[in-house]
Amino acid sequence: MEQRVHVKNRKVLERAVSSASFFTDDFSFLVARLCEMANEYLPLGDVILVPDGPKPLIMAISLVPQIIGREGVVCMHVSRNRECYEPSEVQATENVLCFGFTQTEDRNA
């Protein structure tokens, strides 16, 4: 699965400032680490989280803005179902810093 993620998202990952892997079986650590990363990048500008991946990761990312409770940390859900949602055009105001998350099955990786 990790290899497929890297291949499918190669262009995004090449432009990413950093990348992190998480184990989805430790949900509290996953949420804590995501909050820590959001706080780390917040001084550089707004942190916009776009959850994708296995459901535990989507849930954890979705909780980060509520847990942090600071202006500039948001979660944007992208729907692939055009019948239920109307698209909104969103443009960055200045520099865009990206980082990706991946899931790994091997704790030694």
PDB file of N, CA and C in Angstrom:
ATOM      1  N   MET A   1       0.826  -1.190   0.000  1.00  0.00           N
ATOM      2  CA  MET A   1       0.000   0.000   0.000  1.00  0.00           C
ATOM      3  C   MET A   1       0.873   1.258   0.000  1.00  0.00           C
ATOM      4  N   GLU A   2       1.920   1.263   0.823  1.00  0.00           N
ATOM      5  CA  GLU A   2       2.794   2.440   0.907  1.00  0.00           C
ATOM      6  C   GLU A   2       3.414   2.754  -0.448  1.00  0.00           C
ATOM      7  N   GLN A   3       3.841   1.718  -1.158  1.00  0.00           N
ATOM      8  CA  GLN A   3       4.441   1.913  -2.486  1.00  0.00           C
ATOM      9  C   GLN A   3       3.428   2.526  -3.452  1.00  0.00           C
ATOM     10  N   ARG A   4       2.169   2.054  -3.421  1.00  0.00           N
ATOM     11  CA  ARG A   4       1.130   2.621  -4.291  1.00  0.00           C
ATOM     12  C   ARG A   4       0.895   4.094  -3.982  1.00  0.00           C
ATOM     13  N   VAL A   5       0.900   4.459  -2.703  1.00  0.00           N
ATOM     14  CA  VAL A   5       0.710   5.852  -2.300  1.00  0.00           C
ATOM     15  C   VAL A   5       1.829   6.712  -2.870  1.00  0.00           C
ATOM     16  N   HIS A   6       3.060   6.235  -2.764  1.00  0.00           N
ATOM     17  CA  HIS A   6       4.204   6.999  -3.268  1.00  0.00           C
ATOM     18  C   HIS A   6       4.142   7.154  -4.786  1.00  0.00           C
ATOM     19  N   VAL A   7       3.765   6.098  -5.492  1.00  0.00           N
ATOM     20  CA  VAL A   7       3.674   6.169  -6.954  1.00  0.00           C
ATOM     21  C   VAL A   7       2.542   7.097  -7.381  1.00  0.00           C
ATOM     22  N   LYS A   8       1.376   6.927  -6.783  1.00  0.00           N
ATOM     23  CA  LYS A   8       0.204   7.713  -7.175  1.00  0.00           C
ATOM     24  C   LYS A   8       0.372   9.200  -6.856  1.00  0.00           C
ATOM     25  N   ASN A   9       1.084   9.531  -5.783  1.00  0.00           N
ATOM     26  CA  ASN A   9       1.236  10.914  -5.338  1.00  0.00           C
ATOM     27  C   ASN A   9       2.650  11.448  -5.536  1.00  0.00           C
ATOM     28  N   ARG A  10       3.360  10.889  -6.476  1.00  0.00           N
ATOM     29  CA  ARG A  10       4.765  11.247  -6.699  1.00  0.00           C
ATOM     30  C   ARG A  10       4.967  12.744  -6.877  1.00  0.00           C
ATOM     31  N   LYS A  11       4.168  13.385  -7.718  1.00  0.00           N
ATOM     32  CA  LYS A  11       4.340  14.818  -7.997  1.00  0.00           C
ATOM     33  C   LYS A  11       4.077  15.672  -6.753  1.00  0.00           C
ATOM     34  N   VAL A  12       3.089  15.302  -5.973  1.00  0.00           N
ATOM     35  CA  VAL A  12       2.788  16.055  -4.745  1.00  0.00           C
ATOM     36  C   VAL A  12       3.917  15.879  -3.743  1.00  0.00           C
ATOM     37  N   LEU A  13       4.379  14.657  -3.562  1.00  0.00           N
ATOM     38  CA  LEU A  13       5.428  14.383  -2.588  1.00  0.00           C
ATOM     39  C   LEU A  13       6.753  15.040  -2.968  1.00  0.00           C
ATOM     40  N   GLU A  14       7.020  15.176  -4.278  1.00  0.00           N
ATOM     41  CA  GLU A  14       8.248  15.841  -4.714  1.00  0.00           C
ATOM     42  C   GLU A  14       8.263  17.312  -4.306  1.00  0.00           C
ATOM     43  N   ARG A  15       7.096  17.937  -4.208  1.00  0.00           N
ATOM     44  CA  ARG A  15       7.006  19.354  -3.843  1.00  0.00           C
ATOM     45  C   ARG A  15       6.789  19.556  -2.348  1.00  0.00           C
ATOM     46  N   ALA A  16       6.619  18.477  -1.620  1.00  0.00           N
ATOM     47  CA  ALA A  16       6.320  18.572  -0.192  1.00  0.00           C
ATOM     48  C   ALA A  16       7.529  19.046   0.599  1.00  0.00           C
ATOM     49  N   VAL A  17       7.269  19.835   1.633  1.00  0.00           N
ATOM     50  CA  VAL A  17       8.321  20.296   2.533  1.00  0.00           C
ATOM     51  C   VAL A  17       8.793  19.131   3.401  1.00  0.00           C
ATOM     52  N   SER A  18       7.853  18.298   3.827  1.00  0.00           N
ATOM     53  CA  SER A  18       8.211  17.132   4.622  1.00  0.00           C
ATOM     54  C   SER A  18       7.160  16.047   4.418  1.00  0.00           C
ATOM     55  N   SER A  19       7.477  14.875   4.888  1.00  0.00           N
ATOM     56  CA  SER A  19       6.568  13.736   4.795  1.00  0.00           C
ATOM     57  C   SER A  19       6.664  12.951   6.090  1.00  0.00           C
ATOM     58  N   ALA A  20       5.559  12.375   6.529  1.00  0.00           N
ATOM     59  CA  ALA A  20       5.558  11.600   7.775  1.00  0.00           C
ATOM     60  C   ALA A  20       4.703  10.351   7.597  1.00  0.00           C
ATOM     61  N   SER A  21       5.110   9.289   8.234  1.00  0.00           N
ATOM     62  CA  SER A  21       4.341   8.038   8.223  1.00  0.00           C
ATOM     63  C   SER A  21       3.762   7.807   9.605  1.00  0.00           C
ATOM     64  N   PHE A  22       2.570   7.237   9.647  1.00  0.00           N
ATOM     65  CA  PHE A  22       1.894   6.994  10.921  1.00  0.00           C
ATOM     66  C   PHE A  22       1.330   5.585  10.960  1.00  0.00           C
ATOM     67  N   PHE A  23       1.208   5.060  12.171  1.00  0.00           N
ATOM     68  CA  PHE A  23       0.531   3.792  12.394  1.00  0.00           C
ATOM     69  C   PHE A  23      -0.886   4.113  12.839  1.00  0.00           C
ATOM     70  N   THR A  24      -1.855   3.592  12.144  1.00  0.00           N
ATOM     71  CA  THR A  24      -3.242   3.923  12.464  1.00  0.00           C
ATOM     72  C   THR A  24      -3.789   3.102  13.622  1.00  0.00           C
ATOM     73  N   ASP A  25      -3.002   2.182  14.146  1.00  0.00           N
ATOM     74  CA  ASP A  25      -3.497   1.376  15.267  1.00  0.00           C
ATOM     75  C   ASP A  25      -3.332   2.084  16.610  1.00  0.00           C
ATOM     76  N   ASP A  26      -2.590   3.183  16.646  1.00  0.00           N
ATOM     77  CA  ASP A  26      -2.419   3.967  17.874  1.00  0.00           C
ATOM     78  C   ASP A  26      -3.042   5.344  17.631  1.00  0.00           C
ATOM     79  N   PHE A  27      -4.365   5.411  17.750  1.00  0.00           N
ATOM     80  CA  PHE A  27      -5.120   6.597  17.369  1.00  0.00           C
ATOM     81  C   PHE A  27      -4.735   7.826  18.188  1.00  0.00           C
ATOM     82  N   SER A  28      -4.557   7.678  19.489  1.00  0.00           N
ATOM     83  CA  SER A  28      -4.227   8.841  20.323  1.00  0.00           C
ATOM     84  C   SER A  28      -2.866   9.420  19.951  1.00  0.00           C
ATOM     85  N   PHE A  29      -1.891   8.569  19.659  1.00  0.00           N
ATOM     86  CA  PHE A  29      -0.584   9.053  19.223  1.00  0.00           C
ATOM     87  C   PHE A  29      -0.701   9.731  17.860  1.00  0.00           C
ATOM     88  N   LEU A  30      -1.502   9.152  16.973  1.00  0.00           N
ATOM     89  CA  LEU A  30      -1.717   9.717  15.643  1.00  0.00           C
ATOM     90  C   LEU A  30      -2.261  11.142  15.742  1.00  0.00           C
ATOM     91  N   VAL A  31      -3.293  11.335  16.555  1.00  0.00           N
ATOM     92  CA  VAL A  31      -3.890  12.671  16.730  1.00  0.00           C
ATOM     93  C   VAL A  31      -2.880  13.629  17.367  1.00  0.00           C
ATOM     94  N   ALA A  32      -2.186  13.176  18.391  1.00  0.00           N
ATOM     95  CA  ALA A  32      -1.202  14.030  19.072  1.00  0.00           C
ATOM     96  C   ALA A  32      -0.101  14.467  18.116  1.00  0.00           C
ATOM     97  N   ARG A  33       0.380  13.556  17.300  1.00  0.00           N
ATOM     98  CA  ARG A  33       1.457  13.890  16.348  1.00  0.00           C
ATOM     99  C   ARG A  33       0.956  14.857  15.277  1.00  0.00           C
ATOM    100  N   LEU A  34      -0.257  14.682  14.801  1.00  0.00           N
ATOM    101  CA  LEU A  34      -0.828  15.605  13.812  1.00  0.00           C
ATOM    102  C   LEU A  34      -0.981  17.009  14.402  1.00  0.00           C
ATOM    103  N   CYS A  35      -1.440  17.085  15.653  1.00  0.00           N
ATOM    104  CA  CYS A  35      -1.561  18.387  16.326  1.00  0.00           C
ATOM    105  C   CYS A  35      -0.188  19.035  16.478  1.00  0.00           C
ATOM    106  N   GLU A  36       0.795  18.241  16.847  1.00  0.00           N
ATOM    107  CA  GLU A  36       2.157  18.751  16.998  1.00  0.00           C
ATOM    108  C   GLU A  36       2.676  19.310  15.672  1.00  0.00           C
ATOM    109  N   MET A  37       2.436  18.593  14.581  1.00  0.00           N
ATOM    110  CA  MET A  37       2.896  19.056  13.269  1.00  0.00           C
ATOM    111  C   MET A  37       2.154  20.320  12.842  1.00  0.00           C
ATOM    112  N   ALA A  38       0.856  20.397  13.092  1.00  0.00           N
ATOM    113  CA  ALA A  38       0.093  21.594  12.741  1.00  0.00           C
ATOM    114  C   ALA A  38       0.617  22.793  13.517  1.00  0.00           C
ATOM    115  N   ASN A  39       0.883  22.635  14.816  1.00  0.00           N
ATOM    116  CA  ASN A  39       1.443  23.723  15.627  1.00  0.00           C
ATOM    117  C   ASN A  39       2.837  24.121  15.148  1.00  0.00           C
ATOM    118  N   GLU A  40       3.603  23.148  14.679  1.00  0.00           N
ATOM    119  CA  GLU A  40       4.953  23.419  14.184  1.00  0.00           C
ATOM    120  C   GLU A  40       4.921  24.287  12.921  1.00  0.00           C
ATOM    121  N   TYR A  41       3.964  24.029  12.030  1.00  0.00           N
ATOM    122  CA  TYR A  41       3.891  24.761  10.765  1.00  0.00           C
ATOM    123  C   TYR A  41       3.050  26.034  10.839  1.00  0.00           C
ATOM    124  N   LEU A  42       2.260  26.214  11.872  1.00  0.00           N
ATOM    125  CA  LEU A  42       1.384  27.378  11.986  1.00  0.00           C
ATOM    126  C   LEU A  42       2.139  28.716  11.955  1.00  0.00           C
ATOM    127  N   PRO A  43       3.320  28.838  12.557  1.00  0.00           N
ATOM    128  CA  PRO A  43       4.041  30.121  12.462  1.00  0.00           C
ATOM    129  C   PRO A  43       4.421  30.507  11.024  1.00  0.00           C
ATOM    130  N   LEU A  44       4.444  29.537  10.118  1.00  0.00           N
ATOM    131  CA  LEU A  44       4.788  29.814   8.719  1.00  0.00           C
ATOM    132  C   LEU A  44       3.580  30.294   7.913  1.00  0.00           C
ATOM    133  N   GLY A  45       2.382  30.111   8.447  1.00  0.00           N
ATOM    134  CA  GLY A  45       1.156  30.502   7.748  1.00  0.00           C
ATOM    135  C   GLY A  45       0.037  29.548   8.095  1.00  0.00           C
ATOM    136  N   ASP A  46      -1.087  29.690   7.416  1.00  0.00           N
ATOM    137  CA  ASP A  46      -2.231  28.825   7.680  1.00  0.00           C
ATOM    138  C   ASP A  46      -1.896  27.359   7.399  1.00  0.00           C
ATOM    139  N   VAL A  47      -2.452  26.486   8.198  1.00  0.00           N
ATOM    140  CA  VAL A  47      -2.298  25.048   8.012  1.00  0.00           C
ATOM    141  C   VAL A  47      -3.641  24.511   7.538  1.00  0.00           C
ATOM    142  N   ILE A  48      -3.675  24.032   6.312  1.00  0.00           N
ATOM    143  CA  ILE A  48      -4.902  23.501   5.731  1.00  0.00           C
ATOM    144  C   ILE A  48      -4.713  22.000   5.570  1.00  0.00           C
ATOM    145  N   LEU A  49      -5.461  21.238   6.337  1.00  0.00           N
ATOM    146  CA  LEU A  49      -5.374  19.778   6.316  1.00  0.00           C
ATOM    147  C   LEU A  49      -6.431  19.240   5.365  1.00  0.00           C
ATOM    148  N   VAL A  50      -6.014  18.352   4.476  1.00  0.00           N
ATOM    149  CA  VAL A  50      -6.936  17.724   3.528  1.00  0.00           C
ATOM    150  C   VAL A  50      -6.851  16.224   3.760  1.00  0.00           C
ATOM    151  N   PRO A  51      -7.804  15.669   4.518  1.00  0.00           N
ATOM    152  CA  PRO A  51      -7.716  14.246   4.862  1.00  0.00           C
ATOM    153  C   PRO A  51      -7.995  13.329   3.668  1.00  0.00           C
ATOM    154  N   ASP A  52      -7.186  12.305   3.570  1.00  0.00           N
ATOM    155  CA  ASP A  52      -7.373  11.258   2.579  1.00  0.00           C
ATOM    156  C   ASP A  52      -6.668  10.036   3.132  1.00  0.00           C
ATOM    157  N   GLY A  53      -7.115   8.872   2.742  1.00  0.00           N
ATOM    158  CA  GLY A  53      -6.452   7.669   3.212  1.00  0.00           C
ATOM    159  C   GLY A  53      -7.393   6.790   4.000  1.00  0.00           C
ATOM    160  N   PRO A  54      -6.855   5.942   4.829  1.00  0.00           N
ATOM    161  CA  PRO A  54      -7.724   5.059   5.612  1.00  0.00           C
ATOM    162  C   PRO A  54      -8.566   5.883   6.599  1.00  0.00           C
ATOM    163  N   LYS A  55      -9.715   5.364   6.949  1.00  0.00           N
ATOM    164  CA  LYS A  55     -10.666   6.099   7.795  1.00  0.00           C
ATOM    165  C   LYS A  55     -10.097   6.587   9.122  1.00  0.00           C
ATOM    166  N   PRO A  56      -9.237   5.829   9.811  1.00  0.00           N
ATOM    167  CA  PRO A  56      -8.680   6.375  11.061  1.00  0.00           C
ATOM    168  C   PRO A  56      -7.868   7.648  10.826  1.00  0.00           C
ATOM    169  N   LEU A  57      -7.131   7.714   9.727  1.00  0.00           N
ATOM    170  CA  LEU A  57      -6.353   8.904   9.416  1.00  0.00           C
ATOM    171  C   LEU A  57      -7.269  10.075   9.067  1.00  0.00           C
ATOM    172  N   ILE A  58      -8.317   9.824   8.324  1.00  0.00           N
ATOM    173  CA  ILE A  58      -9.292  10.870   7.987  1.00  0.00           C
ATOM    174  C   ILE A  58      -9.921  11.425   9.257  1.00  0.00           C
ATOM    175  N   MET A  59     -10.311  10.554  10.165  1.00  0.00           N
ATOM    176  CA  MET A  59     -10.926  10.986  11.422  1.00  0.00           C
ATOM    177  C   MET A  59      -9.937  11.807  12.249  1.00  0.00           C
ATOM    178  N   ALA A  60      -8.702  11.326  12.361  1.00  0.00           N
ATOM    179  CA  ALA A  60      -7.693  12.031  13.154  1.00  0.00           C
ATOM    180  C   ALA A  60      -7.421  13.421  12.587  1.00  0.00           C
ATOM    181  N   ILE A  61      -7.237  13.517  11.286  1.00  0.00           N
ATOM    182  CA  ILE A  61      -6.969  14.814  10.659  1.00  0.00           C
ATOM    183  C   ILE A  61      -8.153  15.746  10.849  1.00  0.00           C
ATOM    184  N   SER A  62      -9.363  15.215  10.774  1.00  0.00           N
ATOM    185  CA  SER A  62     -10.568  16.030  10.930  1.00  0.00           C
ATOM    186  C   SER A  62     -10.687  16.631  12.326  1.00  0.00           C
ATOM    187  N   LEU A  63     -10.133  15.962  13.327  1.00  0.00           N
ATOM    188  CA  LEU A  63     -10.212  16.437  14.706  1.00  0.00           C
ATOM    189  C   LEU A  63      -9.195  17.526  15.057  1.00  0.00           C
ATOM    190  N   VAL A  64      -8.116  17.597  14.310  1.00  0.00           N
ATOM    191  CA  VAL A  64      -7.003  18.501  14.649  1.00  0.00           C
ATOM    192  C   VAL A  64      -7.443  19.955  14.830  1.00  0.00           C
ATOM    193  N   PRO A  65      -8.201  20.567  13.905  1.00  0.00           N
ATOM    194  CA  PRO A  65      -8.573  21.974  14.111  1.00  0.00           C
ATOM    195  C   PRO A  65      -9.387  22.213  15.386  1.00  0.00           C
ATOM    196  N   GLN A  66     -10.268  21.275  15.736  1.00  0.00           N
ATOM    197  CA  GLN A  66     -11.065  21.436  16.947  1.00  0.00           C
ATOM    198  C   GLN A  66     -10.210  21.292  18.199  1.00  0.00           C
ATOM    199  N   ILE A  67      -9.255  20.402  18.165  1.00  0.00           N
ATOM    200  CA  ILE A  67      -8.391  20.190  19.324  1.00  0.00           C
ATOM    201  C   ILE A  67      -7.464  21.382  19.519  1.00  0.00           C
ATOM    202  N   ILE A  68      -6.857  21.858  18.450  1.00  0.00           N
ATOM    203  CA  ILE A  68      -5.924  22.985  18.552  1.00  0.00           C
ATOM    204  C   ILE A  68      -6.667  24.267  18.872  1.00  0.00           C
ATOM    205  N   GLY A  69      -7.790  24.498  18.205  1.00  0.00           N
ATOM    206  CA  GLY A  69      -8.612  25.666  18.496  1.00  0.00           C
ATOM    207  C   GLY A  69      -7.950  27.004  18.213  1.00  0.00           C
ATOM    208  N   ARG A  70      -7.058  27.048  17.247  1.00  0.00           N
ATOM    209  CA  ARG A  70      -6.373  28.302  16.904  1.00  0.00           C
ATOM    210  C   ARG A  70      -6.733  28.713  15.487  1.00  0.00           C
ATOM    211  N   GLU A  71      -6.832  30.010  15.274  1.00  0.00           N
ATOM    212  CA  GLU A  71      -7.108  30.530  13.947  1.00  0.00           C
ATOM    213  C   GLU A  71      -5.960  30.142  13.015  1.00  0.00           C
ATOM    214  N   GLY A  72      -6.310  29.735  11.815  1.00  0.00           N
ATOM    215  CA  GLY A  72      -5.291  29.373  10.834  1.00  0.00           C
ATOM    216  C   GLY A  72      -5.106  27.882  10.665  1.00  0.00           C
ATOM    217  N   VAL A  73      -5.747  27.076  11.488  1.00  0.00           N
ATOM    218  CA  VAL A  73      -5.688  25.623  11.333  1.00  0.00           C
ATOM    219  C   VAL A  73      -7.083  25.160  10.923  1.00  0.00           C
ATOM    220  N   VAL A  74      -7.193  24.653   9.706  1.00  0.00           N
ATOM    221  CA  VAL A  74      -8.490  24.230   9.189  1.00  0.00           C
ATOM    222  C   VAL A  74      -8.368  22.864   8.526  1.00  0.00           C
ATOM    223  N   CYS A  75      -9.493  22.212   8.380  1.00  0.00           N
ATOM    224  CA  CYS A  75      -9.564  20.932   7.702  1.00  0.00           C
ATOM    225  C   CYS A  75     -10.537  21.077   6.540  1.00  0.00           C
ATOM    226  N   MET A  76     -10.098  20.725   5.349  1.00  0.00           N
ATOM    227  CA  MET A  76     -10.939  20.837   4.166  1.00  0.00           C
ATOM    228  C   MET A  76     -11.212  19.435   3.631  1.00  0.00           C
ATOM    229  N   HIS A  77     -12.473  19.071   3.603  1.00  0.00           N
ATOM    230  CA  HIS A  77     -12.850  17.765   3.072  1.00  0.00           C
ATOM    231  C   HIS A  77     -13.180  17.899   1.600  1.00  0.00           C
ATOM    232  N   VAL A  78     -12.606  17.031   0.797  1.00  0.00           N
ATOM    233  CA  VAL A  78     -12.826  17.038  -0.643  1.00  0.00           C
ATOM    234  C   VAL A  78     -13.757  15.889  -0.986  1.00  0.00           C
ATOM    235  N   SER A  79     -14.845  16.212  -1.654  1.00  0.00           N
ATOM    236  CA  SER A  79     -15.803  15.182  -2.047  1.00  0.00           C
ATOM    237  C   SER A  79     -15.653  14.879  -3.528  1.00  0.00           C
ATOM    238  N   ARG A  80     -15.687  13.619  -3.857  1.00  0.00           N
ATOM    239  CA  ARG A  80     -15.633  13.212  -5.256  1.00  0.00           C
ATOM    240  C   ARG A  80     -17.034  13.035  -5.831  1.00  0.00           C
ATOM    241  N   ASN A  81     -18.046  13.269  -5.004  1.00  0.00           N
ATOM    242  CA  ASN A  81     -19.436  13.110  -5.408  1.00  0.00           C
ATOM    243  C   ASN A  81     -19.997  14.476  -5.800  1.00  0.00           C
ATOM    244  N   ARG A  82     -20.089  14.749  -7.076  1.00  0.00           N
ATOM    245  CA  ARG A  82     -20.532  16.060  -7.555  1.00  0.00           C
ATOM    246  C   ARG A  82     -22.036  16.282  -7.367  1.00  0.00           C
ATOM    247  N   GLU A  83     -22.793  15.238  -7.081  1.00  0.00           N
ATOM    248  CA  GLU A  83     -24.236  15.385  -6.905  1.00  0.00           C
ATOM    249  C   GLU A  83     -24.585  15.956  -5.530  1.00  0.00           C
ATOM    250  N   CYS A  84     -23.744  15.733  -4.537  1.00  0.00           N
ATOM    251  CA  CYS A  84     -24.054  16.165  -3.174  1.00  0.00           C
ATOM    252  C   CYS A  84     -23.409  17.493  -2.795  1.00  0.00           C
ATOM    253  N   TYR A  85     -22.364  17.887  -3.493  1.00  0.00           N
ATOM    254  CA  TYR A  85     -21.627  19.087  -3.108  1.00  0.00           C
ATOM    255  C   TYR A  85     -21.369  19.970  -4.316  1.00  0.00           C
ATOM    256  N   GLU A  86     -21.383  21.269  -4.082  1.00  0.00           N
ATOM    257  CA  GLU A  86     -21.034  22.218  -5.126  1.00  0.00           C
ATOM    258  C   GLU A  86     -19.587  22.643  -4.909  1.00  0.00           C
ATOM    259  N   PRO A  87     -18.737  22.534  -5.949  1.00  0.00           N
ATOM    260  CA  PRO A  87     -17.322  22.874  -5.778  1.00  0.00           C
ATOM    261  C   PRO A  87     -17.111  24.351  -5.440  1.00  0.00           C
ATOM    262  N   SER A  88     -16.068  24.629  -4.657  1.00  0.00           N
ATOM    263  CA  SER A  88     -15.667  25.992  -4.312  1.00  0.00           C
ATOM    264  C   SER A  88     -14.231  26.194  -4.749  1.00  0.00           C
ATOM    265  N   GLU A  89     -13.966  27.278  -5.446  1.00  0.00           N
ATOM    266  CA  GLU A  89     -12.604  27.591  -5.865  1.00  0.00           C
ATOM    267  C   GLU A  89     -11.879  28.270  -4.707  1.00  0.00           C
ATOM    268  N   VAL A  90     -10.732  27.722  -4.332  1.00  0.00           N
ATOM    269  CA  VAL A  90      -9.941  28.260  -3.232  1.00  0.00           C
ATOM    270  C   VAL A  90      -8.543  28.531  -3.766  1.00  0.00           C
ATOM    271  N   GLN A  91      -8.034  29.737  -3.540  1.00  0.00           N
ATOM    272  CA  GLN A  91      -6.696  30.092  -4.004  1.00  0.00           C
ATOM    273  C   GLN A  91      -5.823  30.501  -2.824  1.00  0.00           C
ATOM    274  N   ALA A  92      -4.558  30.149  -2.908  1.00  0.00           N
ATOM    275  CA  ALA A  92      -3.604  30.528  -1.870  1.00  0.00           C
ATOM    276  C   ALA A  92      -3.282  32.011  -1.989  1.00  0.00           C
ATOM    277  N   THR A  93      -3.017  32.664  -0.876  1.00  0.00           N
ATOM    278  CA  THR A  93      -2.697  34.092  -0.885  1.00  0.00           C
ATOM    279  C   THR A  93      -1.204  34.350  -1.016  1.00  0.00           C
ATOM    280  N   GLU A  94      -0.370  33.442  -0.527  1.00  0.00           N
ATOM    281  CA  GLU A  94       1.079  33.632  -0.607  1.00  0.00           C
ATOM    282  C   GLU A  94       1.743  32.283  -0.846  1.00  0.00           C
ATOM    283  N   ASN A  95       2.837  32.007  -0.155  1.00  0.00           N
ATOM    284  CA  ASN A  95       3.568  30.753  -0.335  1.00  0.00           C
ATOM    285  C   ASN A  95       2.746  29.575   0.149  1.00  0.00           C
ATOM    286  N   VAL A  96       2.873  28.469  -0.546  1.00  0.00           N
ATOM    287  CA  VAL A  96       2.185  27.242  -0.161  1.00  0.00           C
ATOM    288  C   VAL A  96       3.245  26.223   0.230  1.00  0.00           C
ATOM    289  N   LEU A  97       3.176  25.724   1.454  1.00  0.00           N
ATOM    290  CA  LEU A  97       4.061  24.667   1.916  1.00  0.00           C
ATOM    291  C   LEU A  97       3.240  23.396   2.052  1.00  0.00           C
ATOM    292  N   CYS A  98       3.714  22.310   1.498  1.00  0.00           N
ATOM    293  CA  CYS A  98       2.960  21.050   1.518  1.00  0.00           C
ATOM    294  C   CYS A  98       3.759  19.972   2.232  1.00  0.00           C
ATOM    295  N   PHE A  99       3.059  19.077   2.876  1.00  0.00           N
ATOM    296  CA  PHE A  99       3.679  17.871   3.378  1.00  0.00           C
ATOM    297  C   PHE A  99       2.653  16.764   3.314  1.00  0.00           C
ATOM    298  N   GLY A 100       3.113  15.536   3.185  1.00  0.00           N
ATOM    299  CA  GLY A 100       2.203  14.413   3.009  1.00  0.00           C
ATOM    300  C   GLY A 100       2.279  13.444   4.168  1.00  0.00           C
ATOM    301  N   PHE A 101       1.231  12.641   4.307  1.00  0.00           N
ATOM    302  CA  PHE A 101       1.159  11.591   5.313  1.00  0.00           C
ATOM    303  C   PHE A 101       1.001  10.262   4.599  1.00  0.00           C
ATOM    304  N   THR A 102       1.646   9.239   5.086  1.00  0.00           N
ATOM    305  CA  THR A 102       1.487   7.914   4.530  1.00  0.00           C
ATOM    306  C   THR A 102       1.249   6.918   5.651  1.00  0.00           C
ATOM    307  N   GLN A 103       0.630   5.818   5.302  1.00  0.00           N
ATOM    308  CA  GLN A 103       0.396   4.751   6.271  1.00  0.00           C
ATOM    309  C   GLN A 103       1.400   3.661   6.010  1.00  0.00           C
ATOM    310  N   THR A 104       1.952   3.090   7.059  1.00  0.00           N
ATOM    311  CA  THR A 104       2.873   1.987   6.904  1.00  0.00           C
ATOM    312  C   THR A 104       2.445   0.843   7.796  1.00  0.00           C
ATOM    313  N   GLU A 105       2.649  -0.361   7.341  1.00  0.00           N
ATOM    314  CA  GLU A 105       2.283  -1.541   8.103  1.00  0.00           C
ATOM    315  C   GLU A 105       3.452  -2.041   8.961  1.00  0.00           C
ATOM    316  N   ASP A 106       4.678  -1.641   8.602  1.00  0.00           N
ATOM    317  CA  ASP A 106       5.871  -2.136   9.266  1.00  0.00           C
ATOM    318  C   ASP A 106       6.379  -1.099  10.263  1.00  0.00           C
ATOM    319  N   ARG A 107       6.329  -1.411  11.538  1.00  0.00           N
ATOM    320  CA  ARG A 107       6.781  -0.478  12.579  1.00  0.00           C
ATOM    321  C   ARG A 107       8.282  -0.216  12.501  1.00  0.00           C
ATOM    322  N   ASN A 108       9.041  -1.044  11.793  1.00  0.00           N
ATOM    323  CA  ASN A 108      10.484  -0.876  11.681  1.00  0.00           C
ATOM    324  C   ASN A 108      10.878  -0.051  10.459  1.00  0.00           C
ATOM    325  N   ALA A 109       9.881   0.402   9.688  1.00  0.00           N
ATOM    326  CA  ALA A 109      10.176   1.171   8.462  1.00  0.00           C
ATOM    327  C   ALA A 109      10.519   2.595   8.797  1.00  0.00           C
TER     328      ALA A 109
END
